[in-house]
Amino acid sequence: MKRRTGIILAAAAALSITAAGMGTARAYFTTYALVRGGFPIKVGDRTEITETFSNWTKHLQITNEAGSEPVYVRAKAFCGDAYTLEYVDESGKWSLGEDGFYYYSDIVNGGEITDELQVKILDVPADIKDPLEFNVVVVYESTPVQYDADGNPYADWSVTLESFSTGAEGETGGGE
């Protein structure tokens, strides 16, 4: 009987020591596990509009952040029916599209900025002294430069983030 009690105590001690060491072993494997391979993620472009306001005119320029991919840009202003908007392009690089957007003709590479597009607000009543009493909202969009089979650049405004494939079958995302 003493021998059986000793074996049980020895087994319990071995089990206790093994159980105490399990947490350390588990932490070791989860902390120091190595993974091979990877997939580069291309963030794409980051554009930002700059608006200044003077003499009832919004002055617009769109910047493509340094390191971003080349893009085409377009912009459009909205306001209530009480005002008329007149677009002025002194550079000759903005043109009105059929959809009401003004399209910038040049590719905007990373770190570059568009020429100015002015949006003049006409028919402003004389009794409005503060330009913050009404809104003229400007929206803009950018799309990555696409290339046809001959290598000619073009803009595809139907491209969405989901349109880009990651290269893995059945998966989509913001990669190439």
Protein backbone atom coordinates (compact mmCIF):
# COMPACT_ATOMS: atom_id res chain seq x y z
CA MET A 1 0.00 0.00 0.00
CA LYS A 2 2.86 2.36 0.78
CA ARG A 3 4.35 1.62 -2.59
CA ARG A 4 1.07 2.40 -4.37
CA THR A 5 0.70 5.70 -2.46
CA GLY A 6 4.29 6.61 -3.39
CA ILE A 7 3.64 5.93 -7.08
CA ILE A 8 0.47 8.04 -6.97
CA LEU A 9 2.31 10.88 -5.22
CA ALA A 10 5.19 10.68 -7.74
CA ALA A 11 2.74 10.71 -10.65
CA ALA A 12 0.85 13.67 -9.13
CA ALA A 13 4.13 15.56 -8.65
CA ALA A 14 5.20 14.85 -12.27
CA LEU A 15 1.77 15.92 -13.53
CA SER A 16 1.93 19.13 -11.46
CA ILE A 17 5.37 19.98 -12.83
CA THR A 18 4.24 19.26 -16.40
CA ALA A 19 1.05 21.31 -15.97
CA ALA A 20 3.00 24.24 -14.52
CA GLY A 21 5.33 24.25 -17.54
CA MET A 22 2.49 24.09 -20.11
CA GLY A 23 1.61 27.79 -19.86
CA THR A 24 5.22 28.76 -20.57
CA ALA A 25 5.44 26.40 -23.53
CA ARG A 26 2.20 27.71 -24.98
CA ALA A 27 3.38 31.30 -24.58
CA TYR A 28 6.66 30.41 -26.24
CA PHE A 29 4.98 29.00 -29.33
CA THR A 30 2.48 31.86 -29.72
CA THR A 31 5.03 34.59 -29.03
CA TYR A 32 7.86 33.32 -31.18
CA ALA A 33 6.06 31.58 -34.04
CA LEU A 34 7.53 32.43 -37.46
CA VAL A 35 5.49 33.01 -40.59
CA ARG A 36 6.92 32.84 -44.08
CA GLY A 37 5.73 34.70 -47.15
CA GLY A 38 3.61 37.79 -47.39
CA PHE A 39 1.70 39.96 -49.76
CA PRO A 40 2.57 43.59 -50.50
CA ILE A 41 -0.36 45.95 -50.12
CA LYS A 42 -0.54 49.00 -52.37
CA VAL A 43 -2.43 51.75 -50.62
CA GLY A 44 -3.17 53.65 -53.83
CA ASP A 45 -3.64 57.39 -53.95
CA ARG A 46 -4.37 60.07 -51.42
CA THR A 47 -5.70 63.31 -52.82
CA GLU A 48 -6.88 66.41 -51.03
CA ILE A 49 -8.70 69.53 -52.17
CA THR A 50 -7.67 73.01 -51.09
CA GLU A 51 -10.33 75.71 -51.20
CA THR A 52 -9.81 79.40 -50.59
CA PHE A 53 -12.54 82.01 -50.78
CA SER A 54 -12.36 85.68 -51.80
CA ASN A 55 -14.61 88.13 -53.67
CA TRP A 56 -17.42 85.55 -53.87
CA THR A 57 -15.11 83.11 -55.67
CA LYS A 58 -13.90 79.69 -54.53
CA HIS A 59 -10.36 78.91 -55.68
CA LEU A 60 -9.85 75.14 -55.98
CA GLN A 61 -6.70 73.05 -56.32
CA ILE A 62 -6.32 69.31 -55.82
CA THR A 63 -3.10 67.83 -54.46
CA ASN A 64 -1.96 64.23 -54.93
CA GLU A 65 0.11 63.27 -51.88
CA ALA A 66 3.79 62.46 -52.42
CA GLY A 67 4.28 58.72 -52.98
CA SER A 68 0.75 58.23 -54.32
CA GLU A 69 0.03 56.65 -57.68
CA PRO A 70 -0.76 58.90 -60.67
CA VAL A 71 -4.42 59.93 -60.94
CA TYR A 72 -6.91 61.87 -62.99
CA VAL A 73 -9.18 64.28 -61.07
CA ARG A 74 -12.52 65.99 -61.56
CA ALA A 75 -14.51 68.52 -59.51
CA LYS A 76 -18.02 69.95 -59.34
CA ALA A 77 -19.70 72.61 -57.19
CA PHE A 78 -23.28 72.53 -55.92
CA CYS A 79 -25.46 75.29 -54.48
CA GLY A 80 -29.09 76.19 -54.12
CA ASP A 81 -31.18 77.57 -56.98
CA ALA A 82 -30.74 81.12 -55.67
CA TYR A 83 -27.22 81.43 -57.08
CA THR A 84 -25.51 80.87 -60.40
CA LEU A 85 -22.03 79.37 -60.56
CA GLU A 86 -19.50 80.32 -63.21
CA TYR A 87 -16.34 78.26 -63.64
CA VAL A 88 -13.16 80.05 -64.69
CA ASP A 89 -10.06 78.19 -65.87
CA GLU A 90 -7.13 80.46 -66.62
CA SER A 91 -4.75 77.56 -67.37
CA GLY A 92 -6.91 75.91 -70.03
CA LYS A 93 -6.50 72.50 -68.36
CA TRP A 94 -10.02 72.15 -66.93
CA SER A 95 -12.94 71.24 -69.19
CA LEU A 96 -16.64 70.66 -68.62
CA GLY A 97 -17.82 67.08 -69.08
CA GLU A 98 -21.31 65.91 -70.04
CA ASP A 99 -21.99 64.97 -66.41
CA GLY A 100 -21.40 68.50 -65.06
CA PHE A 101 -17.96 67.72 -63.63
CA TYR A 102 -14.89 69.71 -64.63
CA TYR A 103 -12.09 67.36 -65.65
CA TYR A 104 -8.39 68.17 -65.29
CA SER A 105 -6.64 67.18 -68.53
CA ASP A 106 -3.21 66.33 -67.09
CA ILE A 107 -2.22 63.31 -65.02
CA VAL A 108 -1.54 64.36 -61.42
CA ASN A 109 1.48 62.40 -60.19
CA GLY A 110 2.33 61.92 -56.52
CA GLY A 111 3.47 65.19 -54.97
CA GLU A 112 1.86 67.33 -57.70
CA ILE A 113 -1.00 69.83 -57.57
CA THR A 114 -3.53 70.86 -60.21
CA ASP A 115 -3.81 74.32 -61.67
CA GLU A 116 -6.50 76.46 -60.09
CA LEU A 117 -10.17 76.16 -60.99
CA GLN A 118 -12.28 79.14 -59.91
CA VAL A 119 -15.95 78.87 -59.05
CA LYS A 120 -17.51 82.35 -59.09
CA ILE A 121 -20.77 82.79 -57.22
CA LEU A 122 -23.06 85.11 -59.17
CA ASP A 123 -26.41 86.72 -58.31
CA VAL A 124 -25.44 87.29 -54.68
CA PRO A 125 -28.04 89.55 -53.04
CA ALA A 126 -26.70 92.88 -51.84
CA ASP A 127 -28.02 92.30 -48.29
CA ILE A 128 -25.77 89.24 -47.71
CA LYS A 129 -22.69 90.53 -45.94
CA ASP A 130 -21.32 87.25 -44.59
CA PRO A 131 -20.28 84.57 -47.11
CA LEU A 132 -20.89 81.92 -44.44
CA GLU A 133 -24.65 82.54 -44.56
CA PHE A 134 -25.00 80.11 -47.48
CA ASN A 135 -23.23 77.05 -48.82
CA VAL A 136 -21.51 76.25 -52.06
CA VAL A 137 -20.30 72.67 -51.72
CA VAL A 138 -17.45 71.37 -53.87
CA VAL A 139 -16.97 67.65 -54.46
CA TYR A 140 -14.03 66.11 -56.22
CA GLU A 141 -12.98 62.62 -57.24
CA SER A 142 -9.81 60.93 -58.39
CA THR A 143 -9.25 57.71 -60.29
CA PRO A 144 -6.00 55.81 -60.90
CA VAL A 145 -4.49 56.22 -64.34
CA GLN A 146 -5.26 53.21 -66.56
CA TYR A 147 -3.36 52.18 -69.70
CA ASP A 148 -4.74 50.66 -72.89
CA ALA A 149 -3.04 47.88 -74.88
CA ASP A 150 -0.84 50.44 -76.68
CA GLY A 151 0.32 52.02 -73.40
CA ASN A 152 -1.81 55.16 -73.73
CA PRO A 153 -3.13 56.54 -70.42
CA TYR A 154 -6.86 57.03 -69.84
CA ALA A 155 -9.31 57.61 -66.98
CA ASP A 156 -11.91 54.98 -66.09
CA TRP A 157 -14.36 56.67 -63.71
CA SER A 158 -16.24 53.41 -63.11
CA VAL A 159 -13.25 51.87 -61.27
CA THR A 160 -13.92 51.19 -57.59
CA LEU A 161 -11.66 49.85 -54.86
CA GLU A 162 -13.35 46.45 -55.16
CA SER A 163 -12.41 46.34 -58.88
CA PHE A 164 -8.74 45.80 -58.11
CA SER A 165 -7.69 42.17 -57.69
CA THR A 166 -5.11 41.10 -55.11
CA GLY A 167 -3.88 38.36 -57.39
CA ALA A 168 -5.30 35.57 -55.23
CA GLU A 169 -8.18 33.79 -56.89
CA GLY A 170 -11.54 34.92 -55.60
CA GLU A 171 -10.17 37.72 -53.43
CA THR A 172 -10.43 41.43 -54.07
CA GLY A 173 -9.02 44.41 -52.29
CA GLY A 174 -6.94 47.54 -52.66
CA GLY A 175 -3.89 45.85 -54.21
CA GLU A 176 -2.80 45.74 -57.81
